[in-house]
Amino acid sequence: MFKGKAIYPLVILSLVGMLLISACAGPAGEAGPAGAAGAAGAAGPAGPAGPAGAAGPAGPAGADGSDGSDGKNGADGNAARFASIAVSTVRNVAGQETLKVTLAGFPRKDTITVTIVEADGPGGDYTVGSAKTNGSGAVEETLGSAGSPAIPSGLGVGVYTLKATAARDGASATTALHVKATLLPDPITGE
């Protein structure tokens, strides 16, 4: 068909045609509008807990409670636990006129009766005397007299219970009362 030199003009024409077609292309168009936002992704895992905050200031103090009532003997109340009686001398004898006692922890301004428990046998308590406590619930008193001895004359040698009992609420305390045979000093102990 084509012989030798005829092919060249055809190749040149093809090239010129392509150049013309590419030169005729118009300017680039404007950018289109932005697309809609995509759906939110899934939430990630929770992070670790933060450190604990500092403690807040202390609140105001509450109101004081009301005073409790005075109890009675032993397990029934509190007064008996704090009451006490003490004897000022260790050497006491039957028929002794006076006995000095110290009382503390009893109700204020109350009459306290002091007895020797079972001095006259079972159930026979002997009243030594009584004393009135001060505003602190304490007193130091010398009980007994020549006409009414603190320790009865018929009391045998031995150890007895000396008991102090409050008139108002029954609060009580006890101590040992050692009764000796004579007032002479003991040759061994010197008492």
N, C-alpha and C. Protein backbone atom coordinates (compact mmCIF):
# COMPACT_ATOMS: atom_id res chain seq x y z
N MET A 1 0.77 -1.13 0.00
CA MET A 1 0.00 0.00 0.00
C MET A 1 0.85 1.25 0.00
N PHE A 2 1.33 1.64 1.17
CA PHE A 2 2.21 2.80 1.12
C PHE A 2 3.60 2.34 0.91
N LYS A 3 4.26 3.14 0.17
CA LYS A 3 5.62 2.76 -0.11
C LYS A 3 6.54 3.70 0.58
N GLY A 4 7.51 3.32 1.09
CA GLY A 4 8.63 3.99 1.69
C GLY A 4 8.37 5.38 2.21
N LYS A 5 8.40 6.41 1.29
CA LYS A 5 8.42 7.78 1.74
C LYS A 5 7.01 8.28 2.06
N ALA A 6 6.05 7.64 1.63
CA ALA A 6 4.68 8.11 1.85
C ALA A 6 4.28 7.99 3.32
N ILE A 7 4.88 7.20 4.05
CA ILE A 7 4.51 6.98 5.44
C ILE A 7 4.92 8.17 6.31
N TYR A 8 5.91 8.86 5.94
CA TYR A 8 6.38 9.98 6.74
C TYR A 8 5.37 11.08 6.83
N PRO A 9 4.78 11.52 5.74
CA PRO A 9 3.82 12.61 5.88
C PRO A 9 2.66 12.16 6.76
N LEU A 10 2.28 10.96 6.72
CA LEU A 10 1.17 10.47 7.52
C LEU A 10 1.53 10.53 9.01
N VAL A 11 2.65 10.19 9.38
CA VAL A 11 3.11 10.20 10.78
C VAL A 11 3.15 11.65 11.23
N ILE A 12 3.60 12.54 10.38
CA ILE A 12 3.70 13.94 10.75
C ILE A 12 2.30 14.49 10.93
N LEU A 13 1.39 14.15 10.07
CA LEU A 13 0.02 14.64 10.16
C LEU A 13 -0.63 14.11 11.44
N SER A 14 -0.38 12.93 11.80
CA SER A 14 -0.95 12.35 13.01
C SER A 14 -0.44 13.10 14.24
N LEU A 15 0.80 13.43 14.20
CA LEU A 15 1.38 14.13 15.32
C LEU A 15 0.81 15.54 15.43
N VAL A 16 0.65 16.20 14.31
CA VAL A 16 0.11 17.56 14.30
C VAL A 16 -1.34 17.49 14.79
N GLY A 17 -2.10 16.48 14.40
CA GLY A 17 -3.49 16.34 14.83
C GLY A 17 -3.57 16.18 16.35
N MET A 18 -2.71 15.45 16.86
CA MET A 18 -2.73 15.23 18.31
C MET A 18 -2.40 16.52 19.05
N LEU A 19 -1.48 17.27 18.51
CA LEU A 19 -1.12 18.53 19.13
C LEU A 19 -2.30 19.49 19.09
N LEU A 20 -3.01 19.49 17.99
CA LEU A 20 -4.15 20.37 17.85
C LEU A 20 -5.25 19.98 18.85
N ILE A 21 -5.48 18.75 18.96
CA ILE A 21 -6.53 18.28 19.87
C ILE A 21 -6.16 18.66 21.30
N SER A 22 -4.92 18.49 21.68
CA SER A 22 -4.53 18.82 23.05
C SER A 22 -4.51 20.33 23.24
N ALA A 23 -4.27 21.15 22.20
CA ALA A 23 -4.26 22.59 22.32
C ALA A 23 -5.67 23.12 22.42
N CYS A 24 -6.65 22.43 21.96
CA CYS A 24 -8.03 22.87 21.99
C CYS A 24 -8.72 22.57 23.33
N ALA A 25 -8.11 21.89 24.19
CA ALA A 25 -8.75 21.56 25.48
C ALA A 25 -8.97 22.84 26.26
N GLY A 26 -10.14 22.97 26.97
CA GLY A 26 -10.50 24.18 27.70
C GLY A 26 -9.79 24.27 29.05
N PRO A 27 -10.03 25.40 29.78
CA PRO A 27 -9.40 25.56 31.10
C PRO A 27 -10.02 24.57 32.12
N ALA A 28 -9.33 24.35 33.22
CA ALA A 28 -9.81 23.41 34.25
C ALA A 28 -11.02 24.01 34.94
N GLY A 29 -11.99 23.19 35.31
CA GLY A 29 -13.19 23.66 35.99
C GLY A 29 -12.91 23.97 37.48
N GLU A 30 -13.90 24.63 38.13
CA GLU A 30 -13.77 24.94 39.55
C GLU A 30 -13.95 23.68 40.40
N ALA A 31 -13.41 23.75 41.63
CA ALA A 31 -13.54 22.60 42.54
C ALA A 31 -14.99 22.46 42.98
N GLY A 32 -15.46 21.27 43.10
CA GLY A 32 -16.83 21.01 43.53
C GLY A 32 -16.98 21.26 45.04
N PRO A 33 -18.24 21.29 45.52
CA PRO A 33 -18.44 21.52 46.96
C PRO A 33 -17.91 20.32 47.77
N ALA A 34 -17.58 20.62 49.13
CA ALA A 34 -17.04 19.56 50.00
C ALA A 34 -18.12 18.53 50.27
N GLY A 35 -17.71 17.32 50.40
CA GLY A 35 -18.66 16.24 50.71
C GLY A 35 -19.12 16.31 52.17
N ALA A 36 -20.21 15.64 52.48
CA ALA A 36 -20.74 15.60 53.85
C ALA A 36 -19.78 14.83 54.76
N ALA A 37 -19.76 15.21 56.10
CA ALA A 37 -18.89 14.53 57.07
C ALA A 37 -19.31 13.08 57.22
N GLY A 38 -18.36 12.24 57.40
CA GLY A 38 -18.66 10.82 57.60
C GLY A 38 -19.19 10.57 59.02
N ALA A 39 -19.72 9.39 59.28
CA ALA A 39 -20.25 9.02 60.60
C ALA A 39 -19.10 8.94 61.62
N ALA A 40 -19.40 9.25 62.95
CA ALA A 40 -18.39 9.20 64.01
C ALA A 40 -17.92 7.76 64.21
N GLY A 41 -16.67 7.62 64.51
CA GLY A 41 -16.13 6.29 64.76
C GLY A 41 -16.53 5.80 66.16
N ALA A 42 -16.28 4.54 66.46
CA ALA A 42 -16.61 3.95 67.77
C ALA A 42 -15.73 4.57 68.86
N ALA A 43 -16.28 4.69 70.12
CA ALA A 43 -15.54 5.27 71.24
C ALA A 43 -14.37 4.37 71.62
N GLY A 44 -13.27 4.99 72.02
CA GLY A 44 -12.11 4.23 72.44
C GLY A 44 -12.29 3.73 73.88
N PRO A 45 -11.41 2.87 74.37
CA PRO A 45 -11.53 2.35 75.74
C PRO A 45 -11.28 3.47 76.77
N ALA A 46 -11.86 3.34 78.00
CA ALA A 46 -11.71 4.34 79.06
C ALA A 46 -10.26 4.38 79.55
N GLY A 47 -9.82 5.56 79.91
CA GLY A 47 -8.46 5.73 80.41
C GLY A 47 -8.39 5.35 81.89
N PRO A 48 -7.19 5.25 82.47
CA PRO A 48 -7.06 4.88 83.89
C PRO A 48 -7.60 6.01 84.79
N ALA A 49 -8.02 5.65 86.05
CA ALA A 49 -8.55 6.64 87.00
C ALA A 49 -7.45 7.59 87.42
N GLY A 50 -7.82 8.84 87.67
CA GLY A 50 -6.87 9.84 88.12
C GLY A 50 -6.58 9.68 89.61
N PRO A 51 -5.58 10.37 90.14
CA PRO A 51 -5.26 10.27 91.57
C PRO A 51 -6.39 10.85 92.42
N ALA A 52 -6.51 10.37 93.70
CA ALA A 52 -7.56 10.86 94.61
C ALA A 52 -7.29 12.31 94.97
N GLY A 53 -8.35 13.07 95.17
CA GLY A 53 -8.23 14.47 95.55
C GLY A 53 -7.87 14.61 97.02
N ALA A 54 -7.45 15.78 97.44
CA ALA A 54 -7.11 16.04 98.84
C ALA A 54 -8.37 16.05 99.68
N ALA A 55 -8.23 15.69 100.99
CA ALA A 55 -9.37 15.69 101.91
C ALA A 55 -9.85 17.10 102.14
N GLY A 56 -11.14 17.27 102.29
CA GLY A 56 -11.71 18.58 102.55
C GLY A 56 -11.51 18.96 104.01
N PRO A 57 -11.83 20.20 104.36
CA PRO A 57 -11.66 20.63 105.76
C PRO A 57 -12.66 19.94 106.67
N ALA A 58 -12.31 19.82 107.96
CA ALA A 58 -13.19 19.18 108.95
C ALA A 58 -14.44 20.01 109.14
N GLY A 59 -15.54 19.33 109.38
CA GLY A 59 -16.79 20.03 109.64
C GLY A 59 -16.84 20.57 111.05
N PRO A 60 -17.86 21.35 111.37
CA PRO A 60 -17.95 21.91 112.72
C PRO A 60 -18.26 20.83 113.75
N ALA A 61 -17.85 21.06 115.00
CA ALA A 61 -18.09 20.09 116.08
C ALA A 61 -19.58 20.02 116.40
N GLY A 62 -20.02 18.83 116.77
CA GLY A 62 -21.42 18.65 117.14
C GLY A 62 -21.69 19.22 118.53
N ALA A 63 -22.94 19.33 118.88
CA ALA A 63 -23.34 19.85 120.19
C ALA A 63 -23.02 18.83 121.28
N ASP A 64 -22.73 19.31 122.48
CA ASP A 64 -22.46 18.43 123.61
C ASP A 64 -23.71 17.64 123.95
N GLY A 65 -23.52 16.38 124.34
CA GLY A 65 -24.64 15.55 124.78
C GLY A 65 -25.08 15.93 126.18
N SER A 66 -26.23 15.48 126.58
CA SER A 66 -26.73 15.79 127.92
C SER A 66 -26.06 14.88 128.94
N ASP A 67 -26.01 15.34 130.19
CA ASP A 67 -25.40 14.57 131.27
C ASP A 67 -26.22 13.31 131.53
N GLY A 68 -25.55 12.23 131.84
CA GLY A 68 -26.23 10.99 132.20
C GLY A 68 -26.74 11.08 133.63
N SER A 69 -27.65 10.22 134.00
CA SER A 69 -28.20 10.23 135.35
C SER A 69 -27.30 9.42 136.28
N ASP A 70 -27.35 9.75 137.57
CA ASP A 70 -26.59 8.98 138.56
C ASP A 70 -27.23 7.62 138.70
N GLY A 71 -26.41 6.59 138.76
CA GLY A 71 -26.94 5.24 138.88
C GLY A 71 -27.05 4.80 140.32
N LYS A 72 -27.41 3.56 140.54
CA LYS A 72 -27.48 2.98 141.88
C LYS A 72 -26.38 1.95 142.01
N ASN A 73 -26.41 1.17 143.06
CA ASN A 73 -25.36 0.22 143.38
C ASN A 73 -24.93 -0.64 142.20
N GLY A 74 -23.64 -0.92 142.15
CA GLY A 74 -23.08 -1.93 141.26
C GLY A 74 -23.43 -1.77 139.81
N ALA A 75 -23.95 -2.86 139.21
CA ALA A 75 -24.18 -2.90 137.78
C ALA A 75 -25.31 -1.99 137.34
N ASP A 76 -26.16 -1.50 138.30
CA ASP A 76 -27.28 -0.66 137.92
C ASP A 76 -26.87 0.75 137.55
N GLY A 77 -25.68 1.21 137.90
CA GLY A 77 -25.33 2.59 137.60
C GLY A 77 -23.85 2.85 137.68
N ASN A 78 -23.48 4.13 137.44
CA ASN A 78 -22.08 4.50 137.36
C ASN A 78 -21.52 5.03 138.68
N ALA A 79 -22.34 5.60 139.55
CA ALA A 79 -21.83 6.27 140.73
C ALA A 79 -21.04 5.31 141.62
N ALA A 80 -21.50 4.07 141.78
CA ALA A 80 -20.85 3.14 142.69
C ALA A 80 -19.44 2.78 142.22
N ARG A 81 -19.16 2.83 140.95
CA ARG A 81 -17.84 2.45 140.45
C ARG A 81 -16.77 3.45 140.88
N PHE A 82 -17.15 4.70 141.12
CA PHE A 82 -16.17 5.73 141.41
C PHE A 82 -16.11 6.09 142.89
N ALA A 83 -17.06 5.60 143.67
CA ALA A 83 -17.09 5.91 145.10
C ALA A 83 -15.99 5.14 145.82
N SER A 84 -15.43 5.77 146.88
CA SER A 84 -14.40 5.07 147.66
C SER A 84 -14.49 5.49 149.12
N ILE A 85 -14.00 4.61 149.98
CA ILE A 85 -13.90 4.88 151.41
C ILE A 85 -12.54 4.41 151.86
N ALA A 86 -11.91 5.20 152.73
CA ALA A 86 -10.60 4.82 153.28
C ALA A 86 -10.61 5.11 154.78
N VAL A 87 -9.92 4.27 155.55
CA VAL A 87 -9.78 4.44 157.00
C VAL A 87 -8.38 4.97 157.24
N SER A 88 -8.26 5.99 158.11
CA SER A 88 -6.96 6.63 158.30
C SER A 88 -5.99 5.83 159.16
N THR A 89 -6.49 4.90 159.98
CA THR A 89 -5.58 4.11 160.82
C THR A 89 -5.73 2.63 160.50
N VAL A 90 -4.63 1.91 160.69
CA VAL A 90 -4.63 0.47 160.42
C VAL A 90 -5.00 -0.28 161.70
N ARG A 91 -4.62 0.26 162.86
CA ARG A 91 -4.82 -0.44 164.14
C ARG A 91 -6.08 0.07 164.81
N ASN A 92 -7.12 -0.76 164.82
CA ASN A 92 -8.40 -0.44 165.45
C ASN A 92 -8.74 -1.55 166.42
N VAL A 93 -9.42 -1.20 167.52
CA VAL A 93 -9.77 -2.20 168.54
C VAL A 93 -11.25 -2.09 168.88
N ALA A 94 -11.78 -3.17 169.44
CA ALA A 94 -13.17 -3.17 169.89
C ALA A 94 -13.35 -2.11 170.97
N GLY A 95 -14.46 -1.36 170.90
CA GLY A 95 -14.74 -0.31 171.87
C GLY A 95 -14.09 1.02 171.53
N GLN A 96 -13.39 1.11 170.43
CA GLN A 96 -12.72 2.35 170.02
C GLN A 96 -13.77 3.44 169.80
N GLU A 97 -13.55 4.62 170.39
CA GLU A 97 -14.56 5.67 170.35
C GLU A 97 -14.71 6.34 168.99
N THR A 98 -13.60 6.62 168.30
CA THR A 98 -13.69 7.33 167.02
C THR A 98 -12.97 6.59 165.90
N LEU A 99 -13.39 6.90 164.70
CA LEU A 99 -12.78 6.31 163.51
C LEU A 99 -12.80 7.38 162.43
N LYS A 100 -11.63 7.73 161.91
CA LYS A 100 -11.53 8.76 160.87
C LYS A 100 -11.62 8.10 159.50
N VAL A 101 -12.59 8.55 158.68
CA VAL A 101 -12.77 7.98 157.33
C VAL A 101 -12.68 9.09 156.30
N THR A 102 -12.26 8.70 155.10
CA THR A 102 -12.23 9.62 153.95
C THR A 102 -13.13 9.03 152.88
N LEU A 103 -14.10 9.81 152.43
CA LEU A 103 -15.06 9.37 151.41
C LEU A 103 -14.87 10.22 150.15
N ALA A 104 -14.99 9.60 148.98
CA ALA A 104 -14.86 10.34 147.72
C ALA A 104 -15.67 9.66 146.64
N GLY A 105 -16.07 10.44 145.63
CA GLY A 105 -16.79 9.88 144.48
C GLY A 105 -18.26 9.65 144.72
N PHE A 106 -18.82 10.21 145.77
CA PHE A 106 -20.24 10.06 146.07
C PHE A 106 -21.01 11.26 145.49
N PRO A 107 -22.35 11.19 145.49
CA PRO A 107 -23.12 12.34 145.01
C PRO A 107 -22.83 13.58 145.87
N ARG A 108 -22.91 14.75 145.25
CA ARG A 108 -22.64 16.01 145.95
C ARG A 108 -23.71 16.29 147.01
N LYS A 109 -23.24 16.82 148.14
CA LYS A 109 -24.13 17.24 149.23
C LYS A 109 -25.15 16.17 149.61
N ASP A 110 -24.67 14.93 149.75
CA ASP A 110 -25.51 13.80 150.12
C ASP A 110 -25.05 13.27 151.48
N THR A 111 -25.94 12.62 152.19
CA THR A 111 -25.59 12.01 153.47
C THR A 111 -25.13 10.57 153.22
N ILE A 112 -23.93 10.27 153.71
CA ILE A 112 -23.34 8.95 153.52
C ILE A 112 -23.30 8.25 154.87
N THR A 113 -23.90 7.07 154.95
CA THR A 113 -23.91 6.29 156.19
C THR A 113 -22.81 5.23 156.13
N VAL A 114 -22.03 5.15 157.20
CA VAL A 114 -20.92 4.20 157.28
C VAL A 114 -21.30 3.10 158.27
N THR A 115 -21.21 1.84 157.81
CA THR A 115 -21.56 0.69 158.66
C THR A 115 -20.46 -0.36 158.63
N ILE A 116 -20.40 -1.15 159.72
CA ILE A 116 -19.55 -2.33 159.74
C ILE A 116 -20.49 -3.48 159.41
N VAL A 117 -20.24 -4.13 158.27
CA VAL A 117 -21.13 -5.17 157.77
C VAL A 117 -21.05 -6.41 158.66
N GLU A 118 -22.23 -6.89 159.10
CA GLU A 118 -22.37 -8.10 159.92
C GLU A 118 -21.51 -8.07 161.18
N ALA A 119 -21.43 -6.90 161.80
CA ALA A 119 -20.67 -6.78 163.05
C ALA A 119 -21.33 -7.58 164.17
N ASP A 120 -22.67 -7.69 164.13
CA ASP A 120 -23.40 -8.44 165.17
C ASP A 120 -23.83 -9.81 164.66
N GLY A 121 -23.09 -10.39 163.74
CA GLY A 121 -23.45 -11.68 163.17
C GLY A 121 -24.18 -11.47 161.84
N PRO A 122 -24.58 -12.59 161.20
CA PRO A 122 -25.22 -12.50 159.87
C PRO A 122 -26.41 -11.54 159.87
N GLY A 123 -26.34 -10.56 159.00
CA GLY A 123 -27.43 -9.59 158.85
C GLY A 123 -27.43 -8.49 159.89
N GLY A 124 -26.51 -8.50 160.82
CA GLY A 124 -26.49 -7.48 161.87
C GLY A 124 -25.42 -6.45 161.64
N ASP A 125 -25.70 -5.45 160.81
CA ASP A 125 -24.73 -4.39 160.53
C ASP A 125 -24.72 -3.37 161.67
N TYR A 126 -23.56 -2.79 161.95
CA TYR A 126 -23.41 -1.80 163.01
C TYR A 126 -23.15 -0.45 162.35
N THR A 127 -23.97 0.56 162.68
CA THR A 127 -23.80 1.89 162.10
C THR A 127 -22.73 2.64 162.88
N VAL A 128 -21.65 2.99 162.16
CA VAL A 128 -20.54 3.73 162.76
C VAL A 128 -20.93 5.19 162.89
N GLY A 129 -21.59 5.73 161.86
CA GLY A 129 -22.00 7.14 161.84
C GLY A 129 -22.29 7.57 160.42
N SER A 130 -22.54 8.86 160.25
CA SER A 130 -22.80 9.37 158.90
C SER A 130 -22.12 10.71 158.71
N ALA A 131 -21.92 11.06 157.44
CA ALA A 131 -21.26 12.32 157.09
C ALA A 131 -21.90 12.88 155.83
N LYS A 132 -21.83 14.20 155.69
CA LYS A 132 -22.41 14.86 154.51
C LYS A 132 -21.28 15.27 153.57
N THR A 133 -21.41 14.88 152.29
CA THR A 133 -20.36 15.19 151.31
C THR A 133 -20.43 16.66 150.91
N ASN A 134 -19.30 17.16 150.42
CA ASN A 134 -19.24 18.55 149.96
C ASN A 134 -19.68 18.64 148.50
N GLY A 135 -19.46 19.80 147.88
CA GLY A 135 -19.86 20.02 146.48
C GLY A 135 -19.12 19.14 145.49
N SER A 136 -18.05 18.48 145.92
CA SER A 136 -17.30 17.57 145.05
C SER A 136 -17.65 16.12 145.31
N GLY A 137 -18.55 15.86 146.25
CA GLY A 137 -18.92 14.48 146.58
C GLY A 137 -17.91 13.78 147.46
N ALA A 138 -17.14 14.56 148.25
CA ALA A 138 -16.12 13.97 149.12
C ALA A 138 -16.22 14.58 150.51
N VAL A 139 -15.64 13.88 151.50
CA VAL A 139 -15.59 14.40 152.87
C VAL A 139 -14.58 13.58 153.66
N GLU A 140 -13.93 14.23 154.63
CA GLU A 140 -13.09 13.53 155.60
C GLU A 140 -13.74 13.78 156.95
N GLU A 141 -14.12 12.73 157.64
CA GLU A 141 -14.94 12.88 158.86
C GLU A 141 -14.45 11.91 159.93
N THR A 142 -14.51 12.37 161.20
CA THR A 142 -14.24 11.50 162.34
C THR A 142 -15.59 11.08 162.91
N LEU A 143 -15.87 9.80 162.87
CA LEU A 143 -17.15 9.26 163.31
C LEU A 143 -17.04 8.64 164.69
N GLY A 144 -18.16 8.58 165.44
CA GLY A 144 -18.20 7.96 166.76
C GLY A 144 -17.95 8.97 167.87
N SER A 145 -18.23 8.52 169.11
CA SER A 145 -18.02 9.36 170.29
C SER A 145 -17.95 8.44 171.51
N ALA A 146 -17.74 9.03 172.69
CA ALA A 146 -17.67 8.23 173.91
C ALA A 146 -19.00 7.52 174.18
N GLY A 147 -20.11 8.21 173.93
CA GLY A 147 -21.42 7.61 174.16
C GLY A 147 -21.83 6.62 173.08
N SER A 148 -21.26 6.75 171.88
CA SER A 148 -21.59 5.87 170.75
C SER A 148 -20.28 5.54 170.03
N PRO A 149 -19.55 4.53 170.51
CA PRO A 149 -18.23 4.23 169.92
C PRO A 149 -18.32 3.85 168.44
N ALA A 150 -17.26 4.18 167.71
CA ALA A 150 -17.21 3.87 166.28
C ALA A 150 -17.14 2.37 166.06
N ILE A 151 -16.40 1.67 166.93
CA ILE A 151 -16.29 0.22 166.83
C ILE A 151 -16.92 -0.37 168.09
N PRO A 152 -17.94 -1.24 167.95
CA PRO A 152 -18.62 -1.76 169.15
C PRO A 152 -17.68 -2.57 170.03
N SER A 153 -17.92 -2.49 171.34
CA SER A 153 -17.02 -3.14 172.31
C SER A 153 -17.05 -4.66 172.21
N GLY A 154 -18.13 -5.27 171.77
CA GLY A 154 -18.20 -6.73 171.69
C GLY A 154 -17.67 -7.30 170.38
N LEU A 155 -17.10 -6.48 169.52
CA LEU A 155 -16.62 -6.96 168.21
C LEU A 155 -15.33 -7.76 168.39
N GLY A 156 -15.30 -8.97 167.86
CA GLY A 156 -14.13 -9.83 167.97
C GLY A 156 -13.00 -9.41 167.04
N VAL A 157 -11.81 -9.94 167.34
CA VAL A 157 -10.64 -9.68 166.49
C VAL A 157 -10.89 -10.27 165.11
N GLY A 158 -10.50 -9.55 164.06
CA GLY A 158 -10.66 -10.06 162.70
C GLY A 158 -10.75 -8.94 161.68
N VAL A 159 -11.07 -9.31 160.47
CA VAL A 159 -11.20 -8.35 159.38
C VAL A 159 -12.68 -8.24 159.02
N TYR A 160 -13.18 -7.02 158.98
CA TYR A 160 -14.58 -6.77 158.68
C TYR A 160 -14.68 -5.86 157.45
N THR A 161 -15.89 -5.78 156.91
CA THR A 161 -16.13 -4.89 155.77
C THR A 161 -16.74 -3.60 156.29
N LEU A 162 -16.10 -2.48 155.97
CA LEU A 162 -16.62 -1.17 156.31
C LEU A 162 -17.27 -0.63 155.03
N LYS A 163 -18.56 -0.32 155.11
CA LYS A 163 -19.32 0.06 153.91
C LYS A 163 -19.87 1.46 154.07
N ALA A 164 -19.74 2.27 153.00
CA ALA A 164 -20.32 3.61 152.95
C ALA A 164 -21.41 3.60 151.90
N THR A 165 -22.62 4.12 152.26
CA THR A 165 -23.76 4.09 151.35
C THR A 165 -24.40 5.47 151.27
N ALA A 166 -24.63 5.95 150.05
CA ALA A 166 -25.26 7.25 149.83
C ALA A 166 -26.76 7.15 150.05
N ALA A 167 -27.35 8.17 150.68
CA ALA A 167 -28.79 8.16 150.98
C ALA A 167 -29.62 8.36 149.71
N ARG A 168 -29.20 9.24 148.81
CA ARG A 168 -30.03 9.58 147.65
C ARG A 168 -30.12 8.47 146.61
N ASP A 169 -29.01 7.95 146.17
CA ASP A 169 -29.07 6.99 145.07
C ASP A 169 -28.52 5.60 145.42
N GLY A 170 -28.08 5.41 146.66
CA GLY A 170 -27.60 4.09 147.06
C GLY A 170 -26.20 3.76 146.60
N ALA A 171 -25.47 4.72 146.03
CA ALA A 171 -24.08 4.46 145.63
C ALA A 171 -23.31 4.00 146.85
N SER A 172 -22.41 3.03 146.68
CA SER A 172 -21.70 2.50 147.84
C SER A 172 -20.25 2.18 147.51
N ALA A 173 -19.47 2.07 148.58
CA ALA A 173 -18.06 1.68 148.46
C ALA A 173 -17.70 0.93 149.74
N THR A 174 -16.72 0.06 149.65
CA THR A 174 -16.30 -0.72 150.82
C THR A 174 -14.79 -0.72 150.96
N THR A 175 -14.34 -1.02 152.18
CA THR A 175 -12.91 -1.22 152.45
C THR A 175 -12.81 -2.20 153.61
N ALA A 176 -11.62 -2.71 153.83
CA ALA A 176 -11.41 -3.64 154.94
C ALA A 176 -11.19 -2.87 156.23
N LEU A 177 -11.76 -3.39 157.33
CA LEU A 177 -11.55 -2.82 158.66
C LEU A 177 -10.90 -3.92 159.51
N HIS A 178 -9.64 -3.73 159.86
CA HIS A 178 -8.89 -4.70 160.67
C HIS A 178 -9.11 -4.37 162.15
N VAL A 179 -9.65 -5.30 162.90
CA VAL A 179 -9.86 -5.10 164.34
C VAL A 179 -8.85 -5.95 165.09
N LYS A 180 -8.03 -5.27 165.94
CA LYS A 180 -6.97 -5.94 166.70
C LYS A 180 -7.43 -6.11 168.15
N ALA A 181 -6.64 -6.83 168.92
CA ALA A 181 -7.01 -7.13 170.31
C ALA A 181 -6.74 -5.96 171.25
N THR A 182 -5.62 -5.25 171.08
CA THR A 182 -5.27 -4.16 172.00
C THR A 182 -4.70 -2.98 171.23
N LEU A 183 -4.52 -1.87 171.92
CA LEU A 183 -3.90 -0.69 171.31
C LEU A 183 -2.39 -0.72 171.41
N LEU A 184 -1.83 -1.71 172.15
CA LEU A 184 -0.38 -1.79 172.27
C LEU A 184 0.22 -2.16 170.92
N PRO A 185 1.41 -1.64 170.62
CA PRO A 185 2.03 -1.96 169.33
C PRO A 185 2.34 -3.45 169.22
N ASP A 186 2.17 -3.97 168.07
CA ASP A 186 2.48 -5.38 167.78
C ASP A 186 4.00 -5.52 167.83
N PRO A 187 4.55 -6.51 168.57
CA PRO A 187 6.02 -6.63 168.69
C PRO A 187 6.70 -6.95 167.36
N ILE A 188 6.01 -7.56 166.43
CA ILE A 188 6.64 -7.94 165.16
C ILE A 188 6.50 -6.81 164.12
N THR A 189 5.28 -6.34 163.93
CA THR A 189 5.07 -5.32 162.87
C THR A 189 5.24 -3.91 163.38
N GLY A 190 5.11 -3.68 164.68
CA GLY A 190 5.23 -2.34 165.22
C GLY A 190 3.94 -1.55 165.13
N GLU A 191 2.89 -2.19 164.64
CA GLU A 191 1.59 -1.50 164.50
C GLU A 191 0.83 -1.53 165.80
